[in-house]
Amino acid sequence: MTHFAEQALPFLLDTLDNIRPIDVKQPSYMRDHRQRLRARFMVGGADAMPDYELLELLLFRAIPQGNVKPLANAMIDRFGDFNRVISAPEGRLLELDGVSEDVVVELKIVEATAQRLARAKVMRRQIVSSWDDLLTYCHTKMAHRETEQFRVLFLDNKNVLIADEAQGQGTVDHVPVYPREVAKRALELNASALILVHNHPSGDPTPSASDIDMTEQIARACEALGLTLHDHLIIGKSTELSFRSEGYL
C-alpha cells in the first residue's frame, strides 16, 4: 500500500461509515402486481396461472425490485414452457439478459424439489401398484433434458424399487450403454429385476434400431444371470413408450 493510500484510508472508511443507503422504493403499481399474483396463486394454485406468471413468482424471489414480466416471457420464448425453463442447463439460462446466478439457483431449487417429491412416491414402493407414479417420476426427471440419459431402476424380489441410477449420459440422439455394467451393478445391489429408462430429447419416444439392439443385449445378459427385465421405457416430451407393451420384450 502506498503512503498516500495509508493516509487516505481512514478518511475513506470514515466517509463510508457516514453514508446512508438510499431507500429505493418500488413503484406502487409493481408492488400491487406482485401482490395480485401472489394472492391469485394462493387462491387458485398453479392452475390459475399461465406459465410466464408462475415464472414471475419465482423471479420475484431472485429479483426483489423491478418488472420481471419481460424476462419471464423471454424465458418462455427461448425454452418453450415452464418445465423446460426450470430444467434448462445453467449455461443456456445464463445466456439470457437478466438471468443471474440468483435466478438460476431459484429455478434449480424448484427443479430439485419437483424431482425429490416425485421420487419419494416410487422409492421403496412396489412398482406394479405404483406404475403411474413411476411414469410421472420418469417424466419429471428426464422428459425435458436436452441430451439423452440412460437410467436403470433396480428392484428386489418383491418388485420394490431399491435404487435408481444413471448409467450413462449422451448427446441429443445417442447415449452409450454397456450391458455388462448394467448386469454387474444389479448383482452388486442384490437386485432381482430391472426396468430400463431413457429419454428422447426430440420428443418422439419411437425406439431406434440401436435402442432395440441394446435392449436385446441387456435382456440376454439378464437371462444368463437369472435377472428379470420388466421393461424398457423411452420417455418423450409428453408421452412414453413401453417395450413390453409394444411387443419388443
C-alpha atoms as a PDB file:
ATOM      1  CA  MET A   1       0.000   0.000   0.000  1.00  0.00           C
ATOM      2  CA  THR A   2       1.389   3.466  -0.934  1.00  0.00           C
ATOM      3  CA  HIS A   3       1.926   6.249   1.618  1.00  0.00           C
ATOM      4  CA  PHE A   4      -0.960   8.194   0.030  1.00  0.00           C
ATOM      5  CA  ALA A   5      -3.263   5.222   0.379  1.00  0.00           C
ATOM      6  CA  GLU A   6      -2.287   4.782   4.018  1.00  0.00           C
ATOM      7  CA  GLN A   7      -3.214   8.425   4.673  1.00  0.00           C
ATOM      8  CA  ALA A   8      -6.420   8.296   2.649  1.00  0.00           C
ATOM      9  CA  LEU A   9      -7.789   5.017   4.003  1.00  0.00           C
ATOM     10  CA  PRO A  10      -9.025   6.334   7.398  1.00  0.00           C
ATOM     11  CA  PHE A  11     -10.801   9.207   5.644  1.00  0.00           C
ATOM     12  CA  LEU A  12     -12.465   6.885   3.134  1.00  0.00           C
ATOM     13  CA  LEU A  13     -13.609   4.494   5.848  1.00  0.00           C
ATOM     14  CA  ASP A  14     -14.991   7.365   7.925  1.00  0.00           C
ATOM     15  CA  THR A  15     -16.814   8.714   4.865  1.00  0.00           C
ATOM     16  CA  LEU A  16     -18.326   5.283   4.062  1.00  0.00           C
ATOM     17  CA  ASP A  17     -19.465   4.879   7.674  1.00  0.00           C
ATOM     18  CA  ASN A  18     -21.482   8.076   7.353  1.00  0.00           C
ATOM     19  CA  ILE A  19     -23.141   7.193   4.054  1.00  0.00           C
ATOM     20  CA  ARG A  20     -26.712   6.079   4.495  1.00  0.00           C
ATOM     21  CA  PRO A  21     -28.242   3.673   1.972  1.00  0.00           C
ATOM     22  CA  ILE A  22     -30.660   5.237  -0.462  1.00  0.00           C
ATOM     23  CA  ASP A  23     -34.167   3.957   0.077  1.00  0.00           C
ATOM     24  CA  VAL A  24     -35.194   2.854  -3.397  1.00  0.00           C
ATOM     25  CA  LYS A  25     -38.901   2.223  -3.285  1.00  0.00           C
ATOM     26  CA  GLN A  26     -40.590   0.040  -5.818  1.00  0.00           C
ATOM     27  CA  PRO A  27     -43.333   1.832  -7.770  1.00  0.00           C
ATOM     28  CA  SER A  28     -46.743   1.100  -6.297  1.00  0.00           C
ATOM     29  CA  TYR A  29     -48.074  -0.492  -9.489  1.00  0.00           C
ATOM     30  CA  MET A  30     -45.235  -3.060  -9.380  1.00  0.00           C
ATOM     31  CA  ARG A  31     -45.880  -3.824  -5.719  1.00  0.00           C
ATOM     32  CA  ASP A  32     -49.571  -4.201  -6.493  1.00  0.00           C
ATOM     33  CA  HIS A  33     -48.830  -6.514  -9.426  1.00  0.00           C
ATOM     34  CA  ARG A  34     -46.681  -8.761  -7.256  1.00  0.00           C
ATOM     35  CA  GLN A  35     -49.286  -8.842  -4.517  1.00  0.00           C
ATOM     36  CA  ARG A  36     -52.047  -9.685  -7.002  1.00  0.00           C
ATOM     37  CA  LEU A  37     -50.054 -12.590  -8.483  1.00  0.00           C
ATOM     38  CA  ARG A  38     -49.244 -13.987  -5.062  1.00  0.00           C
ATOM     39  CA  ALA A  39     -52.884 -13.710  -3.974  1.00  0.00           C
ATOM     40  CA  ARG A  40     -54.110 -15.404  -7.162  1.00  0.00           C
ATOM     41  CA  PHE A  41     -51.634 -18.223  -6.663  1.00  0.00           C
ATOM     42  CA  MET A  42     -52.719 -18.750  -3.051  1.00  0.00           C
ATOM     43  CA  VAL A  43     -56.386 -18.907  -4.076  1.00  0.00           C
ATOM     44  CA  GLY A  44     -56.214 -20.875  -7.316  1.00  0.00           C
ATOM     45  CA  GLY A  45     -52.788 -22.507  -7.279  1.00  0.00           C
ATOM     46  CA  ALA A  46     -50.661 -23.054 -10.352  1.00  0.00           C
ATOM     47  CA  ASP A  47     -53.694 -23.990 -12.479  1.00  0.00           C
ATOM     48  CA  ALA A  48     -54.921 -20.400 -12.193  1.00  0.00           C
ATOM     49  CA  MET A  49     -51.771 -19.005 -13.792  1.00  0.00           C
ATOM     50  CA  PRO A  50     -50.123 -19.218 -17.204  1.00  0.00           C
ATOM     51  CA  ASP A  51     -46.505 -20.364 -17.295  1.00  0.00           C
ATOM     52  CA  TYR A  52     -44.998 -16.890 -17.519  1.00  0.00           C
ATOM     53  CA  GLU A  53     -46.805 -15.746 -14.367  1.00  0.00           C
ATOM     54  CA  LEU A  54     -45.635 -18.791 -12.450  1.00  0.00           C
ATOM     55  CA  LEU A  55     -42.127 -17.874 -13.538  1.00  0.00           C
ATOM     56  CA  GLU A  56     -42.698 -14.325 -12.366  1.00  0.00           C
ATOM     57  CA  LEU A  57     -43.432 -15.638  -8.878  1.00  0.00           C
ATOM     58  CA  LEU A  58     -40.061 -17.384  -8.838  1.00  0.00           C
ATOM     59  CA  LEU A  59     -38.266 -14.374 -10.249  1.00  0.00           C
ATOM     60  CA  PHE A  60     -39.721 -12.146  -7.506  1.00  0.00           C
ATOM     61  CA  ARG A  61     -37.515 -14.013  -5.040  1.00  0.00           C
ATOM     62  CA  ALA A  62     -34.323 -13.629  -7.057  1.00  0.00           C
ATOM     63  CA  ILE A  63     -35.055 -10.101  -8.310  1.00  0.00           C
ATOM     64  CA  PRO A  64     -36.693  -8.145  -5.449  1.00  0.00           C
ATOM     65  CA  GLN A  65     -37.064  -4.914  -7.439  1.00  0.00           C
ATOM     66  CA  GLY A  66     -38.267  -4.171 -10.936  1.00  0.00           C
ATOM     67  CA  ASN A  67     -40.545  -5.609 -13.588  1.00  0.00           C
ATOM     68  CA  VAL A  68     -39.725  -9.275 -14.190  1.00  0.00           C
ATOM     69  CA  LYS A  69     -42.532  -9.955 -16.664  1.00  0.00           C
ATOM     70  CA  PRO A  70     -40.374  -9.284 -19.777  1.00  0.00           C
ATOM     71  CA  LEU A  71     -37.733 -11.719 -18.504  1.00  0.00           C
ATOM     72  CA  ALA A  72     -40.357 -14.370 -17.743  1.00  0.00           C
ATOM     73  CA  ASN A  73     -41.756 -14.034 -21.270  1.00  0.00           C
ATOM     74  CA  ALA A  74     -38.257 -14.153 -22.772  1.00  0.00           C
ATOM     75  CA  MET A  75     -37.541 -17.384 -20.930  1.00  0.00           C
ATOM     76  CA  ILE A  76     -40.769 -18.973 -22.158  1.00  0.00           C
ATOM     77  CA  ASP A  77     -39.983 -17.819 -25.719  1.00  0.00           C
ATOM     78  CA  ARG A  78     -36.500 -19.341 -25.521  1.00  0.00           C
ATOM     79  CA  PHE A  79     -37.293 -22.676 -23.894  1.00  0.00           C
ATOM     80  CA  GLY A  80     -40.985 -23.301 -24.622  1.00  0.00           C
ATOM     81  CA  ASP A  81     -42.761 -23.746 -21.288  1.00  0.00           C
ATOM     82  CA  PHE A  82     -42.332 -23.627 -17.515  1.00  0.00           C
ATOM     83  CA  ASN A  83     -40.983 -27.180 -17.232  1.00  0.00           C
ATOM     84  CA  ARG A  84     -38.368 -26.636 -19.903  1.00  0.00           C
ATOM     85  CA  VAL A  85     -37.264 -23.377 -18.269  1.00  0.00           C
ATOM     86  CA  ILE A  86     -36.600 -24.856 -14.841  1.00  0.00           C
ATOM     87  CA  SER A  87     -34.855 -27.897 -16.334  1.00  0.00           C
ATOM     88  CA  ALA A  88     -32.738 -25.933 -18.841  1.00  0.00           C
ATOM     89  CA  PRO A  89     -28.951 -26.191 -18.393  1.00  0.00           C
ATOM     90  CA  GLU A  90     -27.387 -23.438 -16.306  1.00  0.00           C
ATOM     91  CA  GLY A  91     -25.216 -22.246 -19.191  1.00  0.00           C
ATOM     92  CA  ARG A  92     -28.165 -21.765 -21.519  1.00  0.00           C
ATOM     93  CA  LEU A  93     -30.148 -19.927 -18.856  1.00  0.00           C
ATOM     94  CA  LEU A  94     -27.284 -17.517 -18.252  1.00  0.00           C
ATOM     95  CA  GLU A  95     -27.204 -16.646 -21.956  1.00  0.00           C
ATOM     96  CA  LEU A  96     -30.401 -14.642 -21.463  1.00  0.00           C
ATOM     97  CA  ASP A  97     -30.049 -10.981 -20.487  1.00  0.00           C
ATOM     98  CA  GLY A  98     -31.307 -10.509 -16.953  1.00  0.00           C
ATOM     99  CA  VAL A  99     -30.643 -14.069 -15.781  1.00  0.00           C
ATOM    100  CA  SER A 100     -28.219 -14.040 -12.864  1.00  0.00           C
ATOM    101  CA  GLU A 101     -26.798 -16.785 -10.676  1.00  0.00           C
ATOM    102  CA  ASP A 102     -29.540 -15.953  -8.157  1.00  0.00           C
ATOM    103  CA  VAL A 103     -32.198 -16.626 -10.800  1.00  0.00           C
ATOM    104  CA  VAL A 104     -30.592 -19.937 -11.748  1.00  0.00           C
ATOM    105  CA  VAL A 105     -30.460 -21.009  -8.100  1.00  0.00           C
ATOM    106  CA  GLU A 106     -34.191 -20.344  -7.629  1.00  0.00           C
ATOM    107  CA  LEU A 107     -35.064 -22.312 -10.764  1.00  0.00           C
ATOM    108  CA  LYS A 108     -32.849 -25.242  -9.830  1.00  0.00           C
ATOM    109  CA  ILE A 109     -34.300 -25.391  -6.317  1.00  0.00           C
ATOM    110  CA  VAL A 110     -37.749 -25.805  -7.858  1.00  0.00           C
ATOM    111  CA  GLU A 111     -36.474 -28.465 -10.281  1.00  0.00           C
ATOM    112  CA  ALA A 112     -34.775 -30.415  -7.486  1.00  0.00           C
ATOM    113  CA  THR A 113     -37.866 -30.161  -5.278  1.00  0.00           C
ATOM    114  CA  ALA A 114     -40.147 -31.489  -8.024  1.00  0.00           C
ATOM    115  CA  GLN A 115     -37.813 -34.415  -8.654  1.00  0.00           C
ATOM    116  CA  ARG A 116     -37.473 -35.168  -4.946  1.00  0.00           C
ATOM    117  CA  LEU A 117     -41.251 -35.215  -4.459  1.00  0.00           C
ATOM    118  CA  ALA A 118     -41.801 -37.464  -7.480  1.00  0.00           C
ATOM    119  CA  ARG A 119     -39.010 -39.818  -6.379  1.00  0.00           C
ATOM    120  CA  ALA A 120     -40.466 -40.147  -2.875  1.00  0.00           C
ATOM    121  CA  LYS A 121     -43.616 -41.656  -4.389  1.00  0.00           C
ATOM    122  CA  VAL A 122     -41.753 -44.554  -6.009  1.00  0.00           C
ATOM    123  CA  MET A 123     -38.663 -45.348  -3.932  1.00  0.00           C
ATOM    124  CA  ARG A 124     -39.150 -48.354  -1.660  1.00  0.00           C
ATOM    125  CA  ARG A 125     -42.566 -48.880  -3.223  1.00  0.00           C
ATOM    126  CA  GLN A 126     -43.955 -51.892  -5.049  1.00  0.00           C
ATOM    127  CA  ILE A 127     -43.671 -50.875  -8.702  1.00  0.00           C
ATOM    128  CA  VAL A 128     -46.699 -52.748 -10.045  1.00  0.00           C
ATOM    129  CA  SER A 129     -49.014 -50.795  -7.723  1.00  0.00           C
ATOM    130  CA  SER A 130     -47.144 -47.504  -8.309  1.00  0.00           C
ATOM    131  CA  TRP A 131     -46.812 -47.619 -12.106  1.00  0.00           C
ATOM    132  CA  ASP A 132     -48.474 -44.258 -12.757  1.00  0.00           C
ATOM    133  CA  ASP A 133     -46.272 -42.626 -10.107  1.00  0.00           C
ATOM    134  CA  LEU A 134     -43.248 -44.245 -11.729  1.00  0.00           C
ATOM    135  CA  LEU A 135     -44.129 -42.774 -15.117  1.00  0.00           C
ATOM    136  CA  THR A 136     -44.650 -39.364 -13.521  1.00  0.00           C
ATOM    137  CA  TYR A 137     -41.244 -39.610 -11.860  1.00  0.00           C
ATOM    138  CA  CYS A 138     -39.533 -40.593 -15.109  1.00  0.00           C
ATOM    139  CA  HIS A 139     -41.132 -37.682 -16.969  1.00  0.00           C
ATOM    140  CA  THR A 140     -40.222 -35.243 -14.184  1.00  0.00           C
ATOM    141  CA  LYS A 141     -36.640 -36.481 -14.174  1.00  0.00           C
ATOM    142  CA  MET A 142     -35.991 -36.865 -17.886  1.00  0.00           C
ATOM    143  CA  ALA A 143     -38.642 -35.545 -20.277  1.00  0.00           C
ATOM    144  CA  HIS A 144     -37.161 -32.061 -20.628  1.00  0.00           C
ATOM    145  CA  ARG A 145     -33.483 -32.939 -20.814  1.00  0.00           C
ATOM    146  CA  GLU A 146     -31.675 -31.677 -23.911  1.00  0.00           C
ATOM    147  CA  THR A 147     -29.400 -34.724 -24.097  1.00  0.00           C
ATOM    148  CA  GLU A 148     -30.078 -38.429 -23.739  1.00  0.00           C
ATOM    149  CA  GLN A 149     -29.709 -40.098 -20.361  1.00  0.00           C
ATOM    150  CA  PHE A 150     -29.921 -43.817 -19.609  1.00  0.00           C
ATOM    151  CA  ARG A 151     -31.170 -44.885 -16.175  1.00  0.00           C
ATOM    152  CA  VAL A 152     -31.713 -48.271 -14.588  1.00  0.00           C
ATOM    153  CA  LEU A 153     -34.322 -48.926 -11.911  1.00  0.00           C
ATOM    154  CA  PHE A 154     -33.265 -51.850  -9.708  1.00  0.00           C
ATOM    155  CA  LEU A 155     -35.968 -53.921  -7.973  1.00  0.00           C
ATOM    156  CA  ASP A 156     -35.839 -56.590  -5.290  1.00  0.00           C
ATOM    157  CA  ASN A 157     -37.585 -59.974  -5.414  1.00  0.00           C
ATOM    158  CA  LYS A 158     -40.880 -58.326  -4.413  1.00  0.00           C
ATOM    159  CA  ASN A 159     -40.593 -55.744  -7.207  1.00  0.00           C
ATOM    160  CA  VAL A 160     -39.884 -52.961  -4.729  1.00  0.00           C
ATOM    161  CA  LEU A 161     -37.702 -50.208  -6.164  1.00  0.00           C
ATOM    162  CA  ILE A 162     -34.403 -50.241  -4.259  1.00  0.00           C
ATOM    163  CA  ALA A 163     -32.241 -47.999  -6.457  1.00  0.00           C
ATOM    164  CA  ASP A 164     -32.461 -45.626  -9.410  1.00  0.00           C
ATOM    165  CA  GLU A 165     -29.152 -44.850 -11.063  1.00  0.00           C
ATOM    166  CA  ALA A 166     -27.982 -43.009 -14.161  1.00  0.00           C
ATOM    167  CA  GLN A 167     -25.794 -45.381 -16.145  1.00  0.00           C
ATOM    168  CA  GLY A 168     -24.869 -43.075 -18.983  1.00  0.00           C
ATOM    169  CA  GLN A 169     -25.050 -39.519 -20.345  1.00  0.00           C
ATOM    170  CA  GLY A 170     -25.059 -38.865 -24.053  1.00  0.00           C
ATOM    171  CA  THR A 171     -25.739 -36.429 -26.848  1.00  0.00           C
ATOM    172  CA  VAL A 172     -29.017 -35.242 -28.341  1.00  0.00           C
ATOM    173  CA  ASP A 173     -29.565 -38.597 -30.066  1.00  0.00           C
ATOM    174  CA  HIS A 174     -27.223 -41.154 -28.514  1.00  0.00           C
ATOM    175  CA  VAL A 175     -26.156 -42.456 -25.128  1.00  0.00           C
ATOM    176  CA  PRO A 176     -23.524 -45.176 -24.607  1.00  0.00           C
ATOM    177  CA  VAL A 177     -24.793 -48.204 -22.671  1.00  0.00           C
ATOM    178  CA  TYR A 178     -22.743 -51.236 -21.604  1.00  0.00           C
ATOM    179  CA  PRO A 179     -24.901 -54.322 -20.885  1.00  0.00           C
ATOM    180  CA  ARG A 180     -22.188 -55.990 -18.788  1.00  0.00           C
ATOM    181  CA  GLU A 181     -22.000 -52.949 -16.494  1.00  0.00           C
ATOM    182  CA  VAL A 182     -25.778 -52.924 -16.070  1.00  0.00           C
ATOM    183  CA  ALA A 183     -25.825 -56.608 -15.103  1.00  0.00           C
ATOM    184  CA  LYS A 184     -22.799 -56.193 -12.829  1.00  0.00           C
ATOM    185  CA  ARG A 185     -24.448 -53.336 -10.959  1.00  0.00           C
ATOM    186  CA  ALA A 186     -27.622 -55.386 -10.491  1.00  0.00           C
ATOM    187  CA  LEU A 187     -25.600 -58.129  -8.822  1.00  0.00           C
ATOM    188  CA  GLU A 188     -23.817 -55.586  -6.592  1.00  0.00           C
ATOM    189  CA  LEU A 189     -27.193 -54.287  -5.384  1.00  0.00           C
ATOM    190  CA  ASN A 190     -28.588 -57.812  -4.983  1.00  0.00           C
ATOM    191  CA  ALA A 191     -31.408 -56.817  -7.341  1.00  0.00           C
ATOM    192  CA  SER A 192     -33.754 -59.379  -8.834  1.00  0.00           C
ATOM    193  CA  ALA A 193     -35.278 -57.295 -11.631  1.00  0.00           C
ATOM    194  CA  LEU A 194     -34.636 -54.226 -13.758  1.00  0.00           C
ATOM    195  CA  ILE A 195     -36.500 -51.519 -15.608  1.00  0.00           C
ATOM    196  CA  LEU A 196     -34.523 -49.584 -18.209  1.00  0.00           C
ATOM    197  CA  VAL A 197     -35.380 -45.951 -18.873  1.00  0.00           C
ATOM    198  CA  HIS A 198     -34.003 -43.405 -21.281  1.00  0.00           C
ATOM    199  CA  ASN A 199     -35.263 -40.211 -22.872  1.00  0.00           C
ATOM    200  CA  HIS A 200     -35.507 -38.936 -26.429  1.00  0.00           C
ATOM    201  CA  PRO A 201     -34.838 -35.164 -26.482  1.00  0.00           C
ATOM    202  CA  SER A 202     -36.591 -34.993 -29.866  1.00  0.00           C
ATOM    203  CA  GLY A 203     -39.832 -35.722 -28.027  1.00  0.00           C
ATOM    204  CA  ASP A 204     -40.649 -38.796 -30.120  1.00  0.00           C
ATOM    205  CA  PRO A 205     -40.364 -41.974 -27.999  1.00  0.00           C
ATOM    206  CA  THR A 206     -40.217 -44.316 -31.006  1.00  0.00           C
ATOM    207  CA  PRO A 207     -37.259 -46.695 -30.448  1.00  0.00           C
ATOM    208  CA  SER A 208     -34.336 -46.633 -32.839  1.00  0.00           C
ATOM    209  CA  ALA A 209     -32.648 -49.758 -34.180  1.00  0.00           C
ATOM    210  CA  SER A 210     -29.818 -49.224 -31.689  1.00  0.00           C
ATOM    211  CA  ASP A 211     -32.347 -48.909 -28.838  1.00  0.00           C
ATOM    212  CA  ILE A 212     -33.840 -52.269 -29.784  1.00  0.00           C
ATOM    213  CA  ASP A 213     -30.442 -53.929 -30.199  1.00  0.00           C
ATOM    214  CA  MET A 214     -29.161 -52.605 -26.853  1.00  0.00           C
ATOM    215  CA  THR A 215     -32.309 -53.812 -25.080  1.00  0.00           C
ATOM    216  CA  GLU A 216     -31.919 -57.277 -26.564  1.00  0.00           C
ATOM    217  CA  GLN A 217     -28.298 -57.426 -25.367  1.00  0.00           C
ATOM    218  CA  ILE A 218     -29.282 -56.451 -21.825  1.00  0.00           C
ATOM    219  CA  ALA A 219     -32.183 -58.940 -21.889  1.00  0.00           C
ATOM    220  CA  ARG A 220     -29.749 -61.747 -22.799  1.00  0.00           C
ATOM    221  CA  ALA A 221     -27.344 -60.701 -20.038  1.00  0.00           C
ATOM    222  CA  CYS A 222     -30.200 -60.639 -17.524  1.00  0.00           C
ATOM    223  CA  GLU A 223     -31.437 -64.052 -18.610  1.00  0.00           C
ATOM    224  CA  ALA A 224     -27.967 -65.546 -18.179  1.00  0.00           C
ATOM    225  CA  LEU A 225     -27.792 -64.208 -14.617  1.00  0.00           C
ATOM    226  CA  GLY A 226     -31.352 -65.062 -13.603  1.00  0.00           C
ATOM    227  CA  LEU A 227     -32.469 -61.424 -13.567  1.00  0.00           C
ATOM    228  CA  THR A 228     -35.861 -60.251 -14.813  1.00  0.00           C
ATOM    229  CA  LEU A 229     -36.028 -57.372 -17.288  1.00  0.00           C
ATOM    230  CA  HIS A 230     -39.519 -55.999 -16.734  1.00  0.00           C
ATOM    231  CA  ASP A 231     -39.492 -53.219 -19.309  1.00  0.00           C
ATOM    232  CA  HIS A 232     -37.609 -50.532 -21.181  1.00  0.00           C
ATOM    233  CA  LEU A 233     -39.314 -47.140 -21.133  1.00  0.00           C
ATOM    234  CA  ILE A 234     -38.490 -44.408 -23.615  1.00  0.00           C
ATOM    235  CA  ILE A 235     -39.563 -41.004 -22.309  1.00  0.00           C
ATOM    236  CA  GLY A 236     -40.679 -38.371 -24.802  1.00  0.00           C
ATOM    237  CA  LYS A 237     -41.823 -34.820 -24.133  1.00  0.00           C
ATOM    238  CA  SER A 238     -45.396 -35.682 -23.221  1.00  0.00           C
ATOM    239  CA  THR A 239     -45.702 -39.434 -23.651  1.00  0.00           C
ATOM    240  CA  GLU A 240     -43.678 -42.593 -23.256  1.00  0.00           C
ATOM    241  CA  LEU A 241     -43.210 -45.938 -24.998  1.00  0.00           C
ATOM    242  CA  SER A 242     -43.087 -49.278 -23.201  1.00  0.00           C
ATOM    243  CA  PHE A 243     -41.071 -52.029 -24.907  1.00  0.00           C
ATOM    244  CA  ARG A 244     -43.203 -54.601 -23.093  1.00  0.00           C
ATOM    245  CA  SER A 245     -46.495 -53.077 -24.238  1.00  0.00           C
ATOM    246  CA  GLU A 246     -45.276 -52.665 -27.822  1.00  0.00           C
ATOM    247  CA  GLY A 247     -44.071 -56.255 -28.062  1.00  0.00           C
ATOM    248  CA  TYR A 248     -40.328 -55.586 -28.178  1.00  0.00           C
ATOM    249  CA  LEU A 249     -39.860 -57.647 -24.995  1.00  0.00           C
END
